Amino acid sequence: MVTVRGTVVSFDRIKGYGFVAADTGGDDVFMHVNDLLDDKNLLGPGSTVEFLVEEGDRGPKASAVRVLKPAPGLEPVFAHRRGADPDGDDMCDVLSATEFEHEVTEVLLCAEPTLTGAQILDLRKRITDLAQNHGWVDR
């Protein structure tokens, strides 16, 4: 497979899909959130991406999508408290405390494999408490 470069035409962060126009031309290519290698909040109309083209059930489909350049004015967005505008494009998923702790544990193990279990548990609790206080994680 050949890596293709293109521009995002549309992307719905809530529904998790959109379309990208390949620089080589042709029909727009379907893109699903499960095929992203980067944070979905970096995508918006005008974002430059590179991807592989596969044949999906309904036509061409982008896979291994990597954001090369976010759309102008688009910055990574942090999760907001529940109750904020649910239709806003700046919303992202709010994890449960258990899901968040799992993610933090994986990051800590990859970043510093010499941490002890007690150190990981202490750091994980502190980070989870911080995230809950900011509404980034459900209580």
N, C-alpha and C. Protein backbone atom coordinates (compact mmCIF):
# COMPACT_ATOMS: atom_id res chain seq x y z
N MET A 1 0.84 -1.19 0.00
CA MET A 1 0.00 0.00 0.00
C MET A 1 0.88 1.24 0.00
N VAL A 2 0.37 2.27 -0.61
CA VAL A 2 1.08 3.53 -0.72
C VAL A 2 0.46 4.55 0.22
N THR A 3 1.31 5.31 0.88
CA THR A 3 0.82 6.38 1.75
C THR A 3 0.39 7.55 0.88
N VAL A 4 -0.82 8.05 1.16
CA VAL A 4 -1.39 9.17 0.41
C VAL A 4 -1.51 10.36 1.33
N ARG A 5 -1.33 11.53 0.79
CA ARG A 5 -1.51 12.77 1.53
C ARG A 5 -2.82 13.38 1.10
N GLY A 6 -3.50 14.08 2.03
CA GLY A 6 -4.77 14.70 1.66
C GLY A 6 -5.20 15.75 2.66
N THR A 7 -6.37 16.32 2.39
CA THR A 7 -6.95 17.36 3.23
C THR A 7 -8.32 16.91 3.72
N VAL A 8 -8.56 17.06 5.00
CA VAL A 8 -9.83 16.67 5.58
C VAL A 8 -10.92 17.61 5.06
N VAL A 9 -11.96 17.02 4.50
CA VAL A 9 -13.10 17.77 3.98
C VAL A 9 -14.12 17.98 5.10
N SER A 10 -14.36 16.91 5.86
CA SER A 10 -15.29 16.98 6.98
C SER A 10 -14.90 15.92 8.00
N PHE A 11 -15.21 16.19 9.28
CA PHE A 11 -15.00 15.20 10.32
C PHE A 11 -15.88 15.55 11.50
N ASP A 12 -16.75 14.63 11.89
CA ASP A 12 -17.65 14.80 13.03
C ASP A 12 -17.05 14.06 14.21
N ARG A 13 -16.54 14.80 15.19
CA ARG A 13 -15.88 14.17 16.35
C ARG A 13 -16.84 13.37 17.21
N ILE A 14 -18.10 13.76 17.22
CA ILE A 14 -19.08 13.04 18.02
C ILE A 14 -19.42 11.71 17.37
N LYS A 15 -19.71 11.73 16.10
CA LYS A 15 -20.07 10.51 15.37
C LYS A 15 -18.84 9.67 15.03
N GLY A 16 -17.67 10.32 14.94
CA GLY A 16 -16.42 9.58 14.73
C GLY A 16 -16.09 9.24 13.29
N TYR A 17 -16.59 10.04 12.35
CA TYR A 17 -16.22 9.77 10.97
C TYR A 17 -16.23 11.05 10.14
N GLY A 18 -15.65 10.95 8.95
CA GLY A 18 -15.62 12.09 8.04
C GLY A 18 -15.02 11.65 6.71
N PHE A 19 -14.59 12.64 5.92
CA PHE A 19 -14.04 12.37 4.61
C PHE A 19 -12.79 13.19 4.38
N VAL A 20 -11.90 12.63 3.58
CA VAL A 20 -10.65 13.29 3.24
C VAL A 20 -10.49 13.26 1.72
N ALA A 21 -10.01 14.38 1.18
CA ALA A 21 -9.74 14.47 -0.26
C ALA A 21 -8.26 14.21 -0.48
N ALA A 22 -7.95 13.18 -1.24
CA ALA A 22 -6.55 12.85 -1.54
C ALA A 22 -5.96 13.91 -2.46
N ASP A 23 -4.71 14.27 -2.24
CA ASP A 23 -4.02 15.24 -3.09
C ASP A 23 -3.91 14.73 -4.53
N THR A 24 -3.98 13.41 -4.70
CA THR A 24 -3.87 12.81 -6.02
C THR A 24 -5.18 12.88 -6.79
N GLY A 25 -6.26 13.37 -6.17
CA GLY A 25 -7.56 13.50 -6.83
C GLY A 25 -8.44 12.29 -6.60
N GLY A 26 -9.55 12.26 -7.32
CA GLY A 26 -10.50 11.17 -7.18
C GLY A 26 -11.56 11.48 -6.14
N ASP A 27 -12.38 10.46 -5.87
CA ASP A 27 -13.44 10.61 -4.89
C ASP A 27 -12.88 10.82 -3.49
N ASP A 28 -13.67 11.51 -2.64
CA ASP A 28 -13.29 11.66 -1.24
C ASP A 28 -13.26 10.28 -0.61
N VAL A 29 -12.38 10.13 0.38
CA VAL A 29 -12.16 8.84 1.03
C VAL A 29 -12.77 8.88 2.43
N PHE A 30 -13.56 7.87 2.77
CA PHE A 30 -14.17 7.75 4.09
C PHE A 30 -13.09 7.55 5.15
N MET A 31 -13.28 8.18 6.31
CA MET A 31 -12.31 8.08 7.40
C MET A 31 -13.08 7.84 8.70
N HIS A 32 -12.67 6.83 9.47
CA HIS A 32 -13.33 6.52 10.74
C HIS A 32 -12.35 6.74 11.89
N VAL A 33 -12.88 7.15 13.04
CA VAL A 33 -12.06 7.45 14.21
C VAL A 33 -11.18 6.26 14.62
N ASN A 34 -11.65 5.03 14.40
CA ASN A 34 -10.86 3.85 14.77
C ASN A 34 -9.60 3.69 13.93
N ASP A 35 -9.51 4.42 12.82
CA ASP A 35 -8.34 4.33 11.95
C ASP A 35 -7.37 5.48 12.15
N LEU A 36 -7.61 6.32 13.17
CA LEU A 36 -6.73 7.44 13.44
C LEU A 36 -5.56 7.01 14.31
N LEU A 37 -4.39 7.53 14.01
CA LEU A 37 -3.21 7.28 14.83
C LEU A 37 -2.97 8.43 15.80
N ASP A 38 -3.72 9.51 15.63
CA ASP A 38 -3.57 10.70 16.47
C ASP A 38 -4.90 11.04 17.14
N ASP A 39 -4.87 12.04 18.00
CA ASP A 39 -6.06 12.51 18.70
C ASP A 39 -7.09 13.04 17.71
N LYS A 40 -8.33 12.60 17.84
CA LYS A 40 -9.39 13.04 16.93
C LYS A 40 -9.62 14.54 17.00
N ASN A 41 -9.23 15.17 18.09
CA ASN A 41 -9.44 16.61 18.25
C ASN A 41 -8.48 17.44 17.41
N LEU A 42 -7.53 16.80 16.76
CA LEU A 42 -6.63 17.51 15.86
C LEU A 42 -7.22 17.61 14.45
N LEU A 43 -8.33 16.91 14.22
CA LEU A 43 -8.95 16.87 12.90
C LEU A 43 -10.08 17.87 12.76
N GLY A 44 -10.12 18.48 11.62
CA GLY A 44 -11.20 19.37 11.25
C GLY A 44 -11.02 19.71 9.78
N PRO A 45 -12.02 20.30 9.17
CA PRO A 45 -11.87 20.67 7.77
C PRO A 45 -10.61 21.52 7.56
N GLY A 46 -9.79 21.10 6.62
CA GLY A 46 -8.54 21.81 6.34
C GLY A 46 -7.31 21.15 6.94
N SER A 47 -7.49 20.18 7.84
CA SER A 47 -6.33 19.47 8.40
C SER A 47 -5.64 18.69 7.28
N THR A 48 -4.31 18.67 7.32
CA THR A 48 -3.54 17.87 6.37
C THR A 48 -3.21 16.54 7.03
N VAL A 49 -3.48 15.46 6.33
CA VAL A 49 -3.25 14.12 6.87
C VAL A 49 -2.53 13.25 5.84
N GLU A 50 -1.95 12.16 6.34
CA GLU A 50 -1.46 11.12 5.45
C GLU A 50 -2.12 9.82 5.89
N PHE A 51 -2.36 8.94 4.93
CA PHE A 51 -3.13 7.74 5.22
C PHE A 51 -2.90 6.69 4.14
N LEU A 52 -3.33 5.49 4.45
CA LEU A 52 -3.36 4.40 3.47
C LEU A 52 -4.79 4.28 2.97
N VAL A 53 -4.95 3.91 1.71
CA VAL A 53 -6.29 3.71 1.15
C VAL A 53 -6.56 2.22 1.04
N GLU A 54 -7.65 1.80 1.66
CA GLU A 54 -8.09 0.41 1.59
C GLU A 54 -9.47 0.39 0.93
N GLU A 55 -9.85 -0.75 0.43
CA GLU A 55 -11.21 -0.89 -0.12
C GLU A 55 -12.12 -1.34 1.02
N GLY A 56 -13.05 -0.48 1.40
CA GLY A 56 -14.00 -0.80 2.45
C GLY A 56 -15.26 -1.42 1.86
N ASP A 57 -16.23 -1.72 2.71
CA ASP A 57 -17.50 -2.30 2.27
C ASP A 57 -18.26 -1.39 1.31
N ARG A 58 -18.06 -0.08 1.47
CA ARG A 58 -18.83 0.88 0.66
C ARG A 58 -17.94 1.77 -0.20
N GLY A 59 -16.72 1.35 -0.45
CA GLY A 59 -15.82 2.14 -1.28
C GLY A 59 -14.50 2.40 -0.58
N PRO A 60 -13.72 3.36 -1.09
CA PRO A 60 -12.40 3.61 -0.50
C PRO A 60 -12.50 4.07 0.95
N LYS A 61 -11.55 3.60 1.76
CA LYS A 61 -11.54 3.89 3.20
C LYS A 61 -10.12 4.21 3.62
N ALA A 62 -9.94 5.26 4.40
CA ALA A 62 -8.62 5.64 4.91
C ALA A 62 -8.28 4.80 6.13
N SER A 63 -7.03 4.37 6.21
CA SER A 63 -6.56 3.67 7.41
C SER A 63 -5.21 4.25 7.78
N ALA A 64 -4.77 3.98 9.01
CA ALA A 64 -3.49 4.49 9.53
C ALA A 64 -3.38 6.00 9.26
N VAL A 65 -4.42 6.75 9.65
CA VAL A 65 -4.48 8.19 9.39
C VAL A 65 -3.64 8.93 10.42
N ARG A 66 -2.70 9.72 9.93
CA ARG A 66 -1.81 10.51 10.79
C ARG A 66 -1.99 11.99 10.43
N VAL A 67 -2.18 12.84 11.45
CA VAL A 67 -2.34 14.28 11.23
C VAL A 67 -0.96 14.89 11.03
N LEU A 68 -0.78 15.54 9.89
CA LEU A 68 0.47 16.24 9.60
C LEU A 68 0.40 17.69 10.03
N LYS A 69 -0.79 18.28 9.85
CA LYS A 69 -0.99 19.68 10.22
C LYS A 69 -2.46 19.89 10.55
N PRO A 70 -2.75 20.32 11.81
CA PRO A 70 -4.15 20.60 12.16
C PRO A 70 -4.70 21.74 11.31
N ALA A 71 -6.01 21.83 11.21
CA ALA A 71 -6.65 22.92 10.49
C ALA A 71 -6.27 24.24 11.15
N PRO A 72 -6.23 25.32 10.38
CA PRO A 72 -5.90 26.63 10.96
C PRO A 72 -6.78 26.95 12.16
N GLY A 73 -6.16 27.32 13.26
CA GLY A 73 -6.89 27.68 14.47
C GLY A 73 -7.34 26.51 15.31
N LEU A 74 -7.08 25.29 14.85
CA LEU A 74 -7.52 24.12 15.59
C LEU A 74 -6.41 23.67 16.52
N GLU A 75 -6.74 23.57 17.80
CA GLU A 75 -5.76 23.14 18.80
C GLU A 75 -6.28 21.91 19.50
N PRO A 76 -5.39 21.11 20.09
CA PRO A 76 -5.88 19.98 20.88
C PRO A 76 -6.84 20.49 21.96
N VAL A 77 -7.90 19.74 22.19
CA VAL A 77 -8.93 20.15 23.14
C VAL A 77 -8.97 19.15 24.28
N PHE A 78 -9.08 19.63 25.50
CA PHE A 78 -9.20 18.77 26.66
C PHE A 78 -10.66 18.49 26.92
N ALA A 79 -10.93 17.40 27.59
CA ALA A 79 -12.31 17.04 27.93
C ALA A 79 -12.91 18.14 28.80
N HIS A 80 -14.18 18.38 28.63
CA HIS A 80 -14.90 19.37 29.41
C HIS A 80 -15.83 18.67 30.38
N ARG A 81 -16.26 19.40 31.36
CA ARG A 81 -17.20 18.85 32.33
C ARG A 81 -18.48 18.42 31.64
N ARG A 82 -19.09 17.37 32.16
CA ARG A 82 -20.40 16.96 31.65
C ARG A 82 -21.36 18.12 31.89
N GLY A 83 -22.29 18.27 31.01
CA GLY A 83 -23.24 19.36 31.13
C GLY A 83 -22.87 20.53 30.25
N ALA A 84 -21.65 20.52 29.69
CA ALA A 84 -21.30 21.55 28.73
C ALA A 84 -22.08 21.28 27.45
N ASP A 85 -21.97 22.13 26.48
CA ASP A 85 -22.72 22.00 25.23
C ASP A 85 -22.45 20.66 24.58
N PRO A 86 -23.42 19.71 24.60
CA PRO A 86 -23.19 18.38 24.05
C PRO A 86 -23.06 18.37 22.54
N ASP A 87 -23.53 19.41 21.87
CA ASP A 87 -23.41 19.49 20.42
C ASP A 87 -22.17 20.26 19.98
N GLY A 88 -21.41 20.77 20.93
CA GLY A 88 -20.22 21.55 20.60
C GLY A 88 -19.15 20.68 19.97
N ASP A 89 -18.47 21.23 18.98
CA ASP A 89 -17.41 20.49 18.31
C ASP A 89 -16.18 20.33 19.18
N ASP A 90 -16.10 21.08 20.29
CA ASP A 90 -14.90 21.01 21.11
C ASP A 90 -15.01 19.96 22.22
N MET A 91 -16.06 19.16 22.21
CA MET A 91 -16.21 18.12 23.22
C MET A 91 -15.40 16.90 22.84
N CYS A 92 -14.88 16.23 23.82
CA CYS A 92 -14.28 14.93 23.58
C CYS A 92 -14.78 14.00 24.68
N ASP A 93 -14.50 12.74 24.53
CA ASP A 93 -15.02 11.75 25.47
C ASP A 93 -14.47 12.00 26.87
N VAL A 94 -15.34 11.84 27.86
CA VAL A 94 -14.93 11.88 29.26
C VAL A 94 -14.85 10.44 29.73
N LEU A 95 -13.69 10.03 30.19
CA LEU A 95 -13.48 8.66 30.62
C LEU A 95 -14.01 8.43 32.02
N SER A 96 -14.31 7.19 32.32
CA SER A 96 -14.62 6.83 33.71
C SER A 96 -13.29 6.83 34.47
N ALA A 97 -13.34 6.90 35.78
CA ALA A 97 -12.11 6.88 36.58
C ALA A 97 -11.31 5.60 36.33
N THR A 98 -12.00 4.49 36.18
CA THR A 98 -11.33 3.20 35.93
C THR A 98 -10.62 3.21 34.59
N GLU A 99 -11.30 3.70 33.54
CA GLU A 99 -10.67 3.79 32.22
C GLU A 99 -9.46 4.71 32.25
N PHE A 100 -9.61 5.84 32.92
CA PHE A 100 -8.52 6.81 33.01
C PHE A 100 -7.33 6.22 33.76
N GLU A 101 -7.59 5.54 34.87
CA GLU A 101 -6.50 4.92 35.64
C GLU A 101 -5.75 3.89 34.81
N HIS A 102 -6.47 3.13 34.00
CA HIS A 102 -5.82 2.15 33.12
C HIS A 102 -4.89 2.86 32.14
N GLU A 103 -5.38 3.94 31.53
CA GLU A 103 -4.57 4.70 30.58
C GLU A 103 -3.32 5.27 31.26
N VAL A 104 -3.51 5.85 32.44
CA VAL A 104 -2.39 6.44 33.18
C VAL A 104 -1.36 5.36 33.53
N THR A 105 -1.82 4.21 33.96
CA THR A 105 -0.90 3.11 34.30
C THR A 105 -0.06 2.73 33.10
N GLU A 106 -0.68 2.60 31.94
CA GLU A 106 0.05 2.24 30.72
C GLU A 106 1.10 3.30 30.38
N VAL A 107 0.72 4.56 30.50
CA VAL A 107 1.66 5.65 30.19
C VAL A 107 2.84 5.62 31.17
N LEU A 108 2.55 5.43 32.44
CA LEU A 108 3.62 5.40 33.44
C LEU A 108 4.57 4.22 33.21
N LEU A 109 4.01 3.06 32.90
CA LEU A 109 4.85 1.88 32.66
C LEU A 109 5.74 2.06 31.43
N CYS A 110 5.18 2.68 30.39
CA CYS A 110 5.98 2.91 29.17
C CYS A 110 7.02 4.00 29.39
N ALA A 111 6.65 5.05 30.13
CA ALA A 111 7.56 6.18 30.33
C ALA A 111 8.70 5.83 31.29
N GLU A 112 8.41 5.06 32.33
CA GLU A 112 9.42 4.75 33.33
C GLU A 112 9.19 3.35 33.89
N PRO A 113 9.73 2.33 33.20
CA PRO A 113 9.49 0.95 33.62
C PRO A 113 10.09 0.58 34.98
N THR A 114 10.93 1.44 35.53
CA THR A 114 11.54 1.13 36.83
C THR A 114 10.68 1.56 38.01
N LEU A 115 9.53 2.21 37.75
CA LEU A 115 8.65 2.60 38.85
C LEU A 115 8.16 1.35 39.57
N THR A 116 8.07 1.46 40.89
CA THR A 116 7.53 0.35 41.68
C THR A 116 6.01 0.39 41.63
N GLY A 117 5.38 -0.69 42.02
CA GLY A 117 3.92 -0.73 42.08
C GLY A 117 3.37 0.35 42.99
N ALA A 118 4.01 0.56 44.13
CA ALA A 118 3.54 1.58 45.07
C ALA A 118 3.66 2.98 44.47
N GLN A 119 4.73 3.24 43.73
CA GLN A 119 4.90 4.53 43.09
C GLN A 119 3.84 4.76 42.02
N ILE A 120 3.57 3.72 41.24
CA ILE A 120 2.55 3.83 40.19
C ILE A 120 1.18 4.10 40.81
N LEU A 121 0.83 3.37 41.87
CA LEU A 121 -0.47 3.58 42.52
C LEU A 121 -0.59 4.99 43.08
N ASP A 122 0.49 5.51 43.69
CA ASP A 122 0.47 6.86 44.25
C ASP A 122 0.32 7.91 43.14
N LEU A 123 1.12 7.79 42.09
CA LEU A 123 1.04 8.74 40.98
C LEU A 123 -0.32 8.68 40.29
N ARG A 124 -0.81 7.46 40.08
CA ARG A 124 -2.09 7.28 39.42
C ARG A 124 -3.21 7.94 40.21
N LYS A 125 -3.21 7.79 41.53
CA LYS A 125 -4.24 8.41 42.37
C LYS A 125 -4.17 9.93 42.29
N ARG A 126 -2.96 10.46 42.37
CA ARG A 126 -2.80 11.93 42.31
C ARG A 126 -3.28 12.49 40.97
N ILE A 127 -2.92 11.81 39.89
CA ILE A 127 -3.31 12.28 38.56
C ILE A 127 -4.82 12.14 38.36
N THR A 128 -5.40 11.04 38.83
CA THR A 128 -6.84 10.84 38.71
C THR A 128 -7.61 11.88 39.51
N ASP A 129 -7.15 12.18 40.73
CA ASP A 129 -7.79 13.22 41.54
C ASP A 129 -7.76 14.57 40.82
N LEU A 130 -6.63 14.90 40.23
CA LEU A 130 -6.50 16.15 39.48
C LEU A 130 -7.49 16.17 38.31
N ALA A 131 -7.54 15.08 37.57
CA ALA A 131 -8.43 15.00 36.41
C ALA A 131 -9.89 15.10 36.83
N GLN A 132 -10.25 14.47 37.94
CA GLN A 132 -11.63 14.54 38.42
C GLN A 132 -11.98 15.97 38.87
N ASN A 133 -11.05 16.64 39.53
CA ASN A 133 -11.29 18.02 39.98
C ASN A 133 -11.50 18.97 38.83
N HIS A 134 -10.93 18.66 37.65
CA HIS A 134 -11.09 19.51 36.46
C HIS A 134 -12.22 19.04 35.57
N GLY A 135 -12.87 17.93 35.92
CA GLY A 135 -13.97 17.43 35.12
C GLY A 135 -13.53 16.67 33.88
N TRP A 136 -12.27 16.29 33.82
CA TRP A 136 -11.75 15.55 32.68
C TRP A 136 -12.13 14.07 32.77
N VAL A 137 -12.50 13.64 33.98
CA VAL A 137 -12.81 12.24 34.25
C VAL A 137 -14.05 12.22 35.14
N ASP A 138 -14.94 11.25 34.87
CA ASP A 138 -16.12 11.10 35.73
C ASP A 138 -15.69 10.71 37.13
N ARG A 139 -16.51 11.10 38.08
CA ARG A 139 -16.24 10.72 39.48
C ARG A 139 -16.85 9.36 39.75
